[in-house]
Amino acid sequence: MDASKYIQNLKKKVERFKEDTAAEQSSSEPTDPTTPMVKVETLEKGFMIKVFSGENQPGMLVSVLEAFEDMGLDVLEARVSCTDSFSLHAMGVKCLYDLLNTNELTLR
């Protein structure tokens, strides 16, 4: 899969996520403040993910990083705050090893 197809697939996933989130927000049930909010944005050569939870729970960062690994995503840059709440802003790409092996990434 080339990079443009990968980005298009990510955009479709983001749209489905937005639709699902909008449907959940329109329900009359109150939302759980400990449930993390996740925002995914596609970038020219990768993605940006923002995760926020009003309450920092033990193991939250590890869980998020394991989820990235399970999806084959490599984080290139991240900022994390775990004081009272949990906040993570990460930028990355599909597994770099796979990209290099399939010539999807041009190194300069």
PDB file of N, CA and C in Angstrom:
ATOM      1  N   MET A   1       0.855  -1.172   0.000  1.00  0.00           N
ATOM      2  CA  MET A   1       0.000   0.000   0.000  1.00  0.00           C
ATOM      3  C   MET A   1       0.901   1.235   0.000  1.00  0.00           C
ATOM      4  N   ASP A   2       0.654   2.151  -0.916  1.00  0.00           N
ATOM      5  CA  ASP A   2       1.486   3.342  -0.939  1.00  0.00           C
ATOM      6  C   ASP A   2       1.004   4.360   0.092  1.00  0.00           C
ATOM      7  N   ALA A   3       1.801   5.379   0.305  1.00  0.00           N
ATOM      8  CA  ALA A   3       1.528   6.358   1.362  1.00  0.00           C
ATOM      9  C   ALA A   3       0.200   7.080   1.153  1.00  0.00           C
ATOM     10  N   SER A   4      -0.135   7.412  -0.093  1.00  0.00           N
ATOM     11  CA  SER A   4      -1.388   8.141  -0.328  1.00  0.00           C
ATOM     12  C   SER A   4      -2.601   7.278   0.008  1.00  0.00           C
ATOM     13  N   LYS A   5      -2.546   5.996  -0.317  1.00  0.00           N
ATOM     14  CA  LYS A   5      -3.654   5.099   0.035  1.00  0.00           C
ATOM     15  C   LYS A   5      -3.745   4.940   1.545  1.00  0.00           C
ATOM     16  N   TYR A   6      -2.593   4.858   2.192  1.00  0.00           N
ATOM     17  CA  TYR A   6      -2.571   4.732   3.648  1.00  0.00           C
ATOM     18  C   TYR A   6      -3.224   5.957   4.292  1.00  0.00           C
ATOM     19  N   ILE A   7      -2.889   7.139   3.795  1.00  0.00           N
ATOM     20  CA  ILE A   7      -3.462   8.375   4.335  1.00  0.00           C
ATOM     21  C   ILE A   7      -4.966   8.416   4.081  1.00  0.00           C
ATOM     22  N   GLN A   8      -5.397   8.001   2.896  1.00  0.00           N
ATOM     23  CA  GLN A   8      -6.831   7.969   2.603  1.00  0.00           C
ATOM     24  C   GLN A   8      -7.559   7.025   3.554  1.00  0.00           C
ATOM     25  N   ASN A   9      -6.953   5.862   3.830  1.00  0.00           N
ATOM     26  CA  ASN A   9      -7.560   4.921   4.777  1.00  0.00           C
ATOM     27  C   ASN A   9      -7.655   5.537   6.168  1.00  0.00           C
ATOM     28  N   LEU A  10      -6.607   6.248   6.586  1.00  0.00           N
ATOM     29  CA  LEU A  10      -6.639   6.916   7.886  1.00  0.00           C
ATOM     30  C   LEU A  10      -7.744   7.972   7.923  1.00  0.00           C
ATOM     31  N   LYS A  11      -7.895   8.729   6.838  1.00  0.00           N
ATOM     32  CA  LYS A  11      -8.947   9.746   6.784  1.00  0.00           C
ATOM     33  C   LYS A  11     -10.327   9.110   6.919  1.00  0.00           C
ATOM     34  N   LYS A  12     -10.534   7.966   6.261  1.00  0.00           N
ATOM     35  CA  LYS A  12     -11.817   7.269   6.364  1.00  0.00           C
ATOM     36  C   LYS A  12     -12.068   6.819   7.798  1.00  0.00           C
ATOM     37  N   LYS A  13     -11.017   6.321   8.460  1.00  0.00           N
ATOM     38  CA  LYS A  13     -11.160   5.891   9.851  1.00  0.00           C
ATOM     39  C   LYS A  13     -11.496   7.075  10.749  1.00  0.00           C
ATOM     40  N   VAL A  14     -10.868   8.221  10.482  1.00  0.00           N
ATOM     41  CA  VAL A  14     -11.144   9.426  11.266  1.00  0.00           C
ATOM     42  C   VAL A  14     -12.602   9.834  11.084  1.00  0.00           C
ATOM     43  N   GLU A  15     -13.092   9.807   9.852  1.00  0.00           N
ATOM     44  CA  GLU A  15     -14.488  10.175   9.593  1.00  0.00           C
ATOM     45  C   GLU A  15     -15.448   9.233  10.309  1.00  0.00           C
ATOM     46  N   ARG A  16     -15.163   7.923  10.263  1.00  0.00           N
ATOM     47  CA  ARG A  16     -16.021   6.963  10.971  1.00  0.00           C
ATOM     48  C   ARG A  16     -15.981   7.229  12.466  1.00  0.00           C
ATOM     49  N   PHE A  17     -14.785   7.542  12.976  1.00  0.00           N
ATOM     50  CA  PHE A  17     -14.639   7.837  14.396  1.00  0.00           C
ATOM     51  C   PHE A  17     -15.453   9.078  14.764  1.00  0.00           C
ATOM     52  N   LYS A  18     -15.386  10.117  13.925  1.00  0.00           N
ATOM     53  CA  LYS A  18     -16.149  11.346  14.183  1.00  0.00           C
ATOM     54  C   LYS A  18     -17.649  11.061  14.184  1.00  0.00           C
ATOM     55  N   GLU A  19     -18.096  10.243  13.232  1.00  0.00           N
ATOM     56  CA  GLU A  19     -19.518   9.893  13.171  1.00  0.00           C
ATOM     57  C   GLU A  19     -19.941   9.130  14.421  1.00  0.00           C
ATOM     58  N   ASP A  20     -19.111   8.169  14.833  1.00  0.00           N
ATOM     59  CA  ASP A  20     -19.419   7.395  16.039  1.00  0.00           C
ATOM     60  C   ASP A  20     -19.443   8.287  17.270  1.00  0.00           C
ATOM     61  N   THR A  21     -18.481   9.212  17.348  1.00  0.00           N
ATOM     62  CA  THR A  21     -18.404  10.120  18.487  1.00  0.00           C
ATOM     63  C   THR A  21     -19.622  11.033  18.524  1.00  0.00           C
ATOM     64  N   ALA A  22     -20.018  11.541  17.370  1.00  0.00           N
ATOM     65  CA  ALA A  22     -21.196  12.414  17.306  1.00  0.00           C
ATOM     66  C   ALA A  22     -22.444  11.657  17.738  1.00  0.00           C
ATOM     67  N   ALA A  23     -22.554  10.404  17.333  1.00  0.00           N
ATOM     68  CA  ALA A  23     -23.713   9.593  17.719  1.00  0.00           C
ATOM     69  C   ALA A  23     -23.730   9.359  19.224  1.00  0.00           C
ATOM     70  N   GLU A  24     -22.560   9.107  19.803  1.00  0.00           N
ATOM     71  CA  GLU A  24     -22.474   8.894  21.251  1.00  0.00           C
ATOM     72  C   GLU A  24     -22.814  10.166  22.014  1.00  0.00           C
ATOM     73  N   GLN A  25     -22.353  11.310  21.524  1.00  0.00           N
ATOM     74  CA  GLN A  25     -22.600  12.570  22.208  1.00  0.00           C
ATOM     75  C   GLN A  25     -24.064  12.971  22.143  1.00  0.00           C
ATOM     76  N   SER A  26     -24.760  12.531  21.110  1.00  0.00           N
ATOM     77  CA  SER A  26     -26.165  12.899  20.984  1.00  0.00           C
ATOM     78  C   SER A  26     -27.075  12.028  21.846  1.00  0.00           C
ATOM     79  N   SER A  27     -26.528  10.951  22.415  1.00  0.00           N
ATOM     80  CA  SER A  27     -27.359  10.102  23.274  1.00  0.00           C
ATOM     81  C   SER A  27     -27.642  10.832  24.583  1.00  0.00           C
ATOM     82  N   SER A  28     -28.725  10.447  25.254  1.00  0.00           N
ATOM     83  CA  SER A  28     -29.131  11.137  26.478  1.00  0.00           C
ATOM     84  C   SER A  28     -28.368  10.662  27.709  1.00  0.00           C
ATOM     85  N   GLU A  29     -27.573   9.608  27.565  1.00  0.00           N
ATOM     86  CA  GLU A  29     -26.820   9.100  28.708  1.00  0.00           C
ATOM     87  C   GLU A  29     -25.632  10.009  28.992  1.00  0.00           C
ATOM     88  N   PRO A  30     -25.335  10.250  30.278  1.00  0.00           N
ATOM     89  CA  PRO A  30     -24.159  11.063  30.597  1.00  0.00           C
ATOM     90  C   PRO A  30     -22.884  10.299  30.246  1.00  0.00           C
ATOM     91  N   THR A  31     -21.867  11.043  29.816  1.00  0.00           N
ATOM     92  CA  THR A  31     -20.612  10.389  29.475  1.00  0.00           C
ATOM     93  C   THR A  31     -19.760  10.213  30.719  1.00  0.00           C
ATOM     94  N   ASP A  32     -18.960   9.184  30.718  1.00  0.00           N
ATOM     95  CA  ASP A  32     -18.073   8.874  31.833  1.00  0.00           C
ATOM     96  C   ASP A  32     -16.851   9.790  31.759  1.00  0.00           C
ATOM     97  N   PRO A  33     -16.582  10.607  32.789  1.00  0.00           N
ATOM     98  CA  PRO A  33     -15.442  11.533  32.728  1.00  0.00           C
ATOM     99  C   PRO A  33     -14.094  10.824  32.680  1.00  0.00           C
ATOM    100  N   THR A  34     -14.054   9.537  33.035  1.00  0.00           N
ATOM    101  CA  THR A  34     -12.783   8.807  32.987  1.00  0.00           C
ATOM    102  C   THR A  34     -12.536   8.194  31.619  1.00  0.00           C
ATOM    103  N   THR A  35     -13.529   8.238  30.726  1.00  0.00           N
ATOM    104  CA  THR A  35     -13.343   7.702  29.383  1.00  0.00           C
ATOM    105  C   THR A  35     -12.487   8.670  28.577  1.00  0.00           C
ATOM    106  N   PRO A  36     -11.367   8.200  28.034  1.00  0.00           N
ATOM    107  CA  PRO A  36     -10.490   9.095  27.278  1.00  0.00           C
ATOM    108  C   PRO A  36     -11.147   9.597  25.997  1.00  0.00           C
ATOM    109  N   MET A  37     -10.865  10.848  25.656  1.00  0.00           N
ATOM    110  CA  MET A  37     -11.274  11.416  24.376  1.00  0.00           C
ATOM    111  C   MET A  37     -10.081  11.278  23.438  1.00  0.00           C
ATOM    112  N   VAL A  38     -10.329  10.818  22.227  1.00  0.00           N
ATOM    113  CA  VAL A  38      -9.257  10.587  21.261  1.00  0.00           C
ATOM    114  C   VAL A  38      -9.564  11.366  19.989  1.00  0.00           C
ATOM    115  N   LYS A  39      -8.568  12.083  19.492  1.00  0.00           N
ATOM    116  CA  LYS A  39      -8.705  12.817  18.234  1.00  0.00           C
ATOM    117  C   LYS A  39      -7.562  12.389  17.322  1.00  0.00           C
ATOM    118  N   VAL A  40      -7.893  11.998  16.096  1.00  0.00           N
ATOM    119  CA  VAL A  40      -6.886  11.560  15.130  1.00  0.00           C
ATOM    120  C   VAL A  40      -6.934  12.490  13.931  1.00  0.00           C
ATOM    121  N   GLU A  41      -5.770  12.977  13.531  1.00  0.00           N
ATOM    122  CA  GLU A  41      -5.669  13.829  12.347  1.00  0.00           C
ATOM    123  C   GLU A  41      -4.624  13.232  11.419  1.00  0.00           C
ATOM    124  N   THR A  42      -4.923  13.238  10.125  1.00  0.00           N
ATOM    125  CA  THR A  42      -3.933  12.763   9.168  1.00  0.00           C
ATOM    126  C   THR A  42      -3.032  13.922   8.767  1.00  0.00           C
ATOM    127  N   LEU A  43      -1.773  13.620   8.621  1.00  0.00           N
ATOM    128  CA  LEU A  43      -0.777  14.589   8.184  1.00  0.00           C
ATOM    129  C   LEU A  43      -0.272  14.156   6.816  1.00  0.00           C
ATOM    130  N   GLU A  44       0.554  14.969   6.203  1.00  0.00           N
ATOM    131  CA  GLU A  44       1.053  14.646   4.868  1.00  0.00           C
ATOM    132  C   GLU A  44       1.732  13.281   4.833  1.00  0.00           C
ATOM    133  N   LYS A  45       2.541  12.987   5.830  1.00  0.00           N
ATOM    134  CA  LYS A  45       3.263  11.710   5.824  1.00  0.00           C
ATOM    135  C   LYS A  45       3.038  10.933   7.107  1.00  0.00           C
ATOM    136  N   GLY A  46       1.851  11.010   7.674  1.00  0.00           N
ATOM    137  CA  GLY A  46       1.620  10.259   8.900  1.00  0.00           C
ATOM    138  C   GLY A  46       0.335  10.660   9.584  1.00  0.00           C
ATOM    139  N   PHE A  47       0.401  10.776  10.899  1.00  0.00           N
ATOM    140  CA  PHE A  47      -0.797  11.041  11.684  1.00  0.00           C
ATOM    141  C   PHE A  47      -0.440  11.819  12.939  1.00  0.00           C
ATOM    142  N   MET A  48      -1.456  12.429  13.555  1.00  0.00           N
ATOM    143  CA  MET A  48      -1.306  13.040  14.864  1.00  0.00           C
ATOM    144  C   MET A  48      -2.471  12.537  15.705  1.00  0.00           C
ATOM    145  N   ILE A  49      -2.168  12.050  16.872  1.00  0.00           N
ATOM    146  CA  ILE A  49      -3.192  11.537  17.775  1.00  0.00           C
ATOM    147  C   ILE A  49      -3.129  12.327  19.072  1.00  0.00           C
ATOM    148  N   LYS A  50      -4.306  12.772  19.529  1.00  0.00           N
ATOM    149  CA  LYS A  50      -4.410  13.451  20.819  1.00  0.00           C
ATOM    150  C   LYS A  50      -5.324  12.612  21.702  1.00  0.00           C
ATOM    151  N   VAL A  51      -4.861  12.322  22.898  1.00  0.00           N
ATOM    152  CA  VAL A  51      -5.654  11.556  23.863  1.00  0.00           C
ATOM    153  C   VAL A  51      -5.758  12.395  25.128  1.00  0.00           C
ATOM    154  N   PHE A  52      -6.974  12.542  25.654  1.00  0.00           N
ATOM    155  CA  PHE A  52      -7.163  13.289  26.894  1.00  0.00           C
ATOM    156  C   PHE A  52      -8.153  12.556  27.776  1.00  0.00           C
ATOM    157  N   SER A  53      -7.830  12.470  29.054  1.00  0.00           N
ATOM    158  CA  SER A  53      -8.744  11.909  30.047  1.00  0.00           C
ATOM    159  C   SER A  53      -8.714  12.825  31.255  1.00  0.00           C
ATOM    160  N   GLY A  54      -9.878  13.131  31.798  1.00  0.00           N
ATOM    161  CA  GLY A  54      -9.971  14.009  32.958  1.00  0.00           C
ATOM    162  C   GLY A  54      -9.348  13.409  34.200  1.00  0.00           C
ATOM    163  N   GLU A  55      -9.112  12.116  34.165  1.00  0.00           N
ATOM    164  CA  GLU A  55      -8.523  11.442  35.320  1.00  0.00           C
ATOM    165  C   GLU A  55      -7.372  10.568  34.842  1.00  0.00           C
ATOM    166  N   ASN A  56      -6.213  10.725  35.459  1.00  0.00           N
ATOM    167  CA  ASN A  56      -5.073   9.886  35.127  1.00  0.00           C
ATOM    168  C   ASN A  56      -5.220   8.558  35.856  1.00  0.00           C
ATOM    169  N   GLN A  57      -5.292   7.486  35.102  1.00  0.00           N
ATOM    170  CA  GLN A  57      -5.415   6.160  35.690  1.00  0.00           C
ATOM    171  C   GLN A  57      -4.090   5.428  35.553  1.00  0.00           C
ATOM    172  N   PRO A  58      -3.738   4.584  36.523  1.00  0.00           N
ATOM    173  CA  PRO A  58      -2.481   3.837  36.442  1.00  0.00           C
ATOM    174  C   PRO A  58      -2.414   3.014  35.152  1.00  0.00           C
ATOM    175  N   GLY A  59      -1.290   3.079  34.481  1.00  0.00           N
ATOM    176  CA  GLY A  59      -1.081   2.285  33.277  1.00  0.00           C
ATOM    177  C   GLY A  59      -1.647   2.878  32.003  1.00  0.00           C
ATOM    178  N   MET A  60      -2.192   4.089  32.064  1.00  0.00           N
ATOM    179  CA  MET A  60      -2.813   4.706  30.885  1.00  0.00           C
ATOM    180  C   MET A  60      -1.798   4.890  29.756  1.00  0.00           C
ATOM    181  N   LEU A  61      -0.627   5.440  30.061  1.00  0.00           N
ATOM    182  CA  LEU A  61       0.383   5.672  29.030  1.00  0.00           C
ATOM    183  C   LEU A  61       0.822   4.354  28.401  1.00  0.00           C
ATOM    184  N   VAL A  62       1.051   3.351  29.219  1.00  0.00           N
ATOM    185  CA  VAL A  62       1.465   2.042  28.709  1.00  0.00           C
ATOM    186  C   VAL A  62       0.392   1.477  27.784  1.00  0.00           C
ATOM    187  N   SER A  63      -0.867   1.606  28.171  1.00  0.00           N
ATOM    188  CA  SER A  63      -1.971   1.098  27.342  1.00  0.00           C
ATOM    189  C   SER A  63      -2.015   1.789  25.984  1.00  0.00           C
ATOM    190  N   VAL A  64      -1.828   3.099  25.980  1.00  0.00           N
ATOM    191  CA  VAL A  64      -1.857   3.851  24.722  1.00  0.00           C
ATOM    192  C   VAL A  64      -0.691   3.432  23.829  1.00  0.00           C
ATOM    193  N   LEU A  65       0.501   3.322  24.398  1.00  0.00           N
ATOM    194  CA  LEU A  65       1.671   2.932  23.609  1.00  0.00           C
ATOM    195  C   LEU A  65       1.542   1.507  23.085  1.00  0.00           C
ATOM    196  N   GLU A  66       0.974   0.610  23.876  1.00  0.00           N
ATOM    197  CA  GLU A  66       0.743  -0.762  23.412  1.00  0.00           C
ATOM    198  C   GLU A  66      -0.267  -0.780  22.269  1.00  0.00           C
ATOM    199  N   ALA A  67      -1.279   0.080  22.339  1.00  0.00           N
ATOM    200  CA  ALA A  67      -2.264   0.165  21.253  1.00  0.00           C
ATOM    201  C   ALA A  67      -1.592   0.635  19.965  1.00  0.00           C
ATOM    202  N   PHE A  68      -0.696   1.624  20.061  1.00  0.00           N
ATOM    203  CA  PHE A  68       0.048   2.073  18.885  1.00  0.00           C
ATOM    204  C   PHE A  68       0.831   0.909  18.292  1.00  0.00           C
ATOM    205  N   GLU A  69       1.519   0.167  19.152  1.00  0.00           N
ATOM    206  CA  GLU A  69       2.327  -0.960  18.694  1.00  0.00           C
ATOM    207  C   GLU A  69       1.455  -2.021  18.027  1.00  0.00           C
ATOM    208  N   ASP A  70       0.310  -2.317  18.624  1.00  0.00           N
ATOM    209  CA  ASP A  70      -0.605  -3.312  18.058  1.00  0.00           C
ATOM    210  C   ASP A  70      -1.101  -2.905  16.675  1.00  0.00           C
ATOM    211  N   MET A  71      -1.239  -1.599  16.441  1.00  0.00           N
ATOM    212  CA  MET A  71      -1.708  -1.102  15.147  1.00  0.00           C
ATOM    213  C   MET A  71      -0.563  -0.911  14.157  1.00  0.00           C
ATOM    214  N   GLY A  72       0.668  -1.186  14.576  1.00  0.00           N
ATOM    215  CA  GLY A  72       1.812  -1.028  13.689  1.00  0.00           C
ATOM    216  C   GLY A  72       2.195   0.417  13.449  1.00  0.00           C
ATOM    217  N   LEU A  73       1.990   1.273  14.456  1.00  0.00           N
ATOM    218  CA  LEU A  73       2.306   2.691  14.330  1.00  0.00           C
ATOM    219  C   LEU A  73       3.585   3.008  15.096  1.00  0.00           C
ATOM    220  N   ASP A  74       4.446   3.791  14.476  1.00  0.00           N
ATOM    221  CA  ASP A  74       5.667   4.248  15.132  1.00  0.00           C
ATOM    222  C   ASP A  74       5.506   5.710  15.506  1.00  0.00           C
ATOM    223  N   VAL A  75       5.707   6.021  16.771  1.00  0.00           N
ATOM    224  CA  VAL A  75       5.613   7.394  17.260  1.00  0.00           C
ATOM    225  C   VAL A  75       6.967   8.059  17.055  1.00  0.00           C
ATOM    226  N   LEU A  76       6.963   9.189  16.354  1.00  0.00           N
ATOM    227  CA  LEU A  76       8.193   9.928  16.100  1.00  0.00           C
ATOM    228  C   LEU A  76       8.424  11.025  17.124  1.00  0.00           C
ATOM    229  N   GLU A  77       7.329  11.581  17.645  1.00  0.00           N
ATOM    230  CA  GLU A  77       7.417  12.663  18.626  1.00  0.00           C
ATOM    231  C   GLU A  77       6.176  12.608  19.502  1.00  0.00           C
ATOM    232  N   ALA A  78       6.360  12.810  20.810  1.00  0.00           N
ATOM    233  CA  ALA A  78       5.203  12.777  21.709  1.00  0.00           C
ATOM    234  C   ALA A  78       5.422  13.708  22.887  1.00  0.00           C
ATOM    235  N   ARG A  79       4.306  14.273  23.364  1.00  0.00           N
ATOM    236  CA  ARG A  79       4.299  15.061  24.596  1.00  0.00           C
ATOM    237  C   ARG A  79       3.236  14.460  25.494  1.00  0.00           C
ATOM    238  N   VAL A  80       3.609  14.192  26.735  1.00  0.00           N
ATOM    239  CA  VAL A  80       2.690  13.533  27.662  1.00  0.00           C
ATOM    240  C   VAL A  80       2.665  14.288  28.977  1.00  0.00           C
ATOM    241  N   SER A  81       1.467  14.416  29.547  1.00  0.00           N
ATOM    242  CA  SER A  81       1.300  14.961  30.887  1.00  0.00           C
ATOM    243  C   SER A  81       0.425  13.993  31.668  1.00  0.00           C
ATOM    244  N   CYS A  82       0.929  13.563  32.811  1.00  0.00           N
ATOM    245  CA  CYS A  82       0.207  12.566  33.618  1.00  0.00           C
ATOM    246  C   CYS A  82       0.025  13.036  35.056  1.00  0.00           C
ATOM    247  N   THR A  83      -0.065  14.321  35.295  1.00  0.00           N
ATOM    248  CA  THR A  83      -0.163  14.807  36.667  1.00  0.00           C
ATOM    249  C   THR A  83      -1.508  14.455  37.279  1.00  0.00           C
ATOM    250  N   ASP A  84      -2.510  15.280  37.091  1.00  0.00           N
ATOM    251  CA  ASP A  84      -3.853  14.972  37.591  1.00  0.00           C
ATOM    252  C   ASP A  84      -4.698  14.342  36.489  1.00  0.00           C
ATOM    253  N   SER A  85      -4.653  14.956  35.321  1.00  0.00           N
ATOM    254  CA  SER A  85      -5.358  14.405  34.167  1.00  0.00           C
ATOM    255  C   SER A  85      -4.318  13.711  33.284  1.00  0.00           C
ATOM    256  N   PHE A  86      -4.768  13.125  32.188  1.00  0.00           N
ATOM    257  CA  PHE A  86      -3.855  12.471  31.254  1.00  0.00           C
ATOM    258  C   PHE A  86      -3.999  13.141  29.901  1.00  0.00           C
ATOM    259  N   SER A  87      -2.878  13.555  29.332  1.00  0.00           N
ATOM    260  CA  SER A  87      -2.879  14.196  28.024  1.00  0.00           C
ATOM    261  C   SER A  87      -1.690  13.687  27.226  1.00  0.00           C
ATOM    262  N   LEU A  88      -1.945  13.256  25.991  1.00  0.00           N
ATOM    263  CA  LEU A  88      -0.878  12.787  25.116  1.00  0.00           C
ATOM    264  C   LEU A  88      -1.113  13.356  23.725  1.00  0.00           C
ATOM    265  N   HIS A  89      -0.085  13.957  23.147  1.00  0.00           N
ATOM    266  CA  HIS A  89      -0.099  14.425  21.759  1.00  0.00           C
ATOM    267  C   HIS A  89       1.045  13.685  21.084  1.00  0.00           C
ATOM    268  N   ALA A  90       0.737  12.858  20.096  1.00  0.00           N
ATOM    269  CA  ALA A  90       1.768  12.064  19.431  1.00  0.00           C
ATOM    270  C   ALA A  90       1.678  12.231  17.925  1.00  0.00           C
ATOM    271  N   MET A  91       2.856  12.286  17.280  1.00  0.00           N
ATOM    272  CA  MET A  91       2.931  12.311  15.828  1.00  0.00           C
ATOM    273  C   MET A  91       3.747  11.106  15.401  1.00  0.00           C
ATOM    274  N   GLY A  92       3.302  10.457  14.338  1.00  0.00           N
ATOM    275  CA  GLY A  92       4.022   9.281  13.893  1.00  0.00           C
ATOM    276  C   GLY A  92       3.640   8.844  12.499  1.00  0.00           C
ATOM    277  N   VAL A  93       4.096   7.647  12.164  1.00  0.00           N
ATOM    278  CA  VAL A  93       3.864   7.062  10.849  1.00  0.00           C
ATOM    279  C   VAL A  93       3.553   5.583  11.016  1.00  0.00           C
ATOM    280  N   LYS A  94       3.105   4.986   9.922  1.00  0.00           N
ATOM    281  CA  LYS A  94       2.953   3.544   9.884  1.00  0.00           C
ATOM    282  C   LYS A  94       4.337   2.960  10.147  1.00  0.00           C
ATOM    283  N   CYS A  95       4.414   1.763  10.628  1.00  0.00           N
ATOM    284  CA  CYS A  95       5.680   1.137  11.015  1.00  0.00           C
ATOM    285  C   CYS A  95       6.797   1.479  10.027  1.00  0.00           C
ATOM    286  N   LEU A  96       7.837   2.160  10.501  1.00  0.00           N
ATOM    287  CA  LEU A  96       8.944   2.591   9.646  1.00  0.00           C
ATOM    288  C   LEU A  96       9.600   1.420   8.932  1.00  0.00           C
ATOM    289  N   TYR A  97       9.737   0.299   9.600  1.00  0.00           N
ATOM    290  CA  TYR A  97      10.368  -0.882   9.003  1.00  0.00           C
ATOM    291  C   TYR A  97       9.580  -1.322   7.773  1.00  0.00           C
ATOM    292  N   ASP A  98       8.244  -1.375   7.897  1.00  0.00           N
ATOM    293  CA  ASP A  98       7.397  -1.758   6.765  1.00  0.00           C
ATOM    294  C   ASP A  98       7.500  -0.740   5.636  1.00  0.00           C
ATOM    295  N   LEU A  99       7.518   0.548   5.989  1.00  0.00           N
ATOM    296  CA  LEU A  99       7.606   1.591   4.969  1.00  0.00           C
ATOM    297  C   LEU A  99       8.911   1.490   4.192  1.00  0.00           C
ATOM    298  N   LEU A 100      10.012   1.262   4.891  1.00  0.00           N
ATOM    299  CA  LEU A 100      11.305   1.159   4.225  1.00  0.00           C
ATOM    300  C   LEU A 100      11.358  -0.067   3.326  1.00  0.00           C
ATOM    301  N   ASN A 101      10.753  -1.159   3.755  1.00  0.00           N
ATOM    302  CA  ASN A 101      10.767  -2.387   2.962  1.00  0.00           C
ATOM    303  C   ASN A 101       9.867  -2.309   1.740  1.00  0.00           C
ATOM    304  N   THR A 102       8.855  -1.454   1.758  1.00  0.00           N
ATOM    305  CA  THR A 102       7.945  -1.351   0.618  1.00  0.00           C
ATOM    306  C   THR A 102       8.163  -0.059  -0.164  1.00  0.00           C
ATOM    307  N   ASN A 103       9.233   0.648   0.129  1.00  0.00           N
ATOM    308  CA  ASN A 103       9.579   1.892  -0.574  1.00  0.00           C
ATOM    309  C   ASN A 103       8.479   2.937  -0.516  1.00  0.00           C
ATOM    310  N   GLU A 104       7.714   2.968   0.574  1.00  0.00           N
ATOM    311  CA  GLU A 104       6.665   3.972   0.723  1.00  0.00           C
ATOM    312  C   GLU A 104       7.210   5.270   1.303  1.00  0.00           C
ATOM    313  N   LEU A 105       8.398   5.235   1.832  1.00  0.00           N
ATOM    314  CA  LEU A 105       8.955   6.410   2.481  1.00  0.00           C
ATOM    315  C   LEU A 105      10.220   6.818   1.746  1.00  0.00           C
ATOM    316  N   THR A 106      10.316   8.063   1.362  1.00  0.00           N
ATOM    317  CA  THR A 106      11.501   8.563   0.693  1.00  0.00           C
ATOM    318  C   THR A 106      12.361   9.280   1.715  1.00  0.00           C
ATOM    319  N   LEU A 107      13.577   8.791   1.898  1.00  0.00           N
ATOM    320  CA  LEU A 107      14.497   9.424   2.843  1.00  0.00           C
ATOM    321  C   LEU A 107      15.344  10.439   2.104  1.00  0.00           C
ATOM    322  N   ARG A 108      15.576  11.564   2.747  1.00  0.00           N
ATOM    323  CA  ARG A 108      16.398  12.611   2.125  1.00  0.00           C
ATOM    324  C   ARG A 108      17.616  12.853   2.953  1.00  0.00           C
TER     325      ARG A 108
END
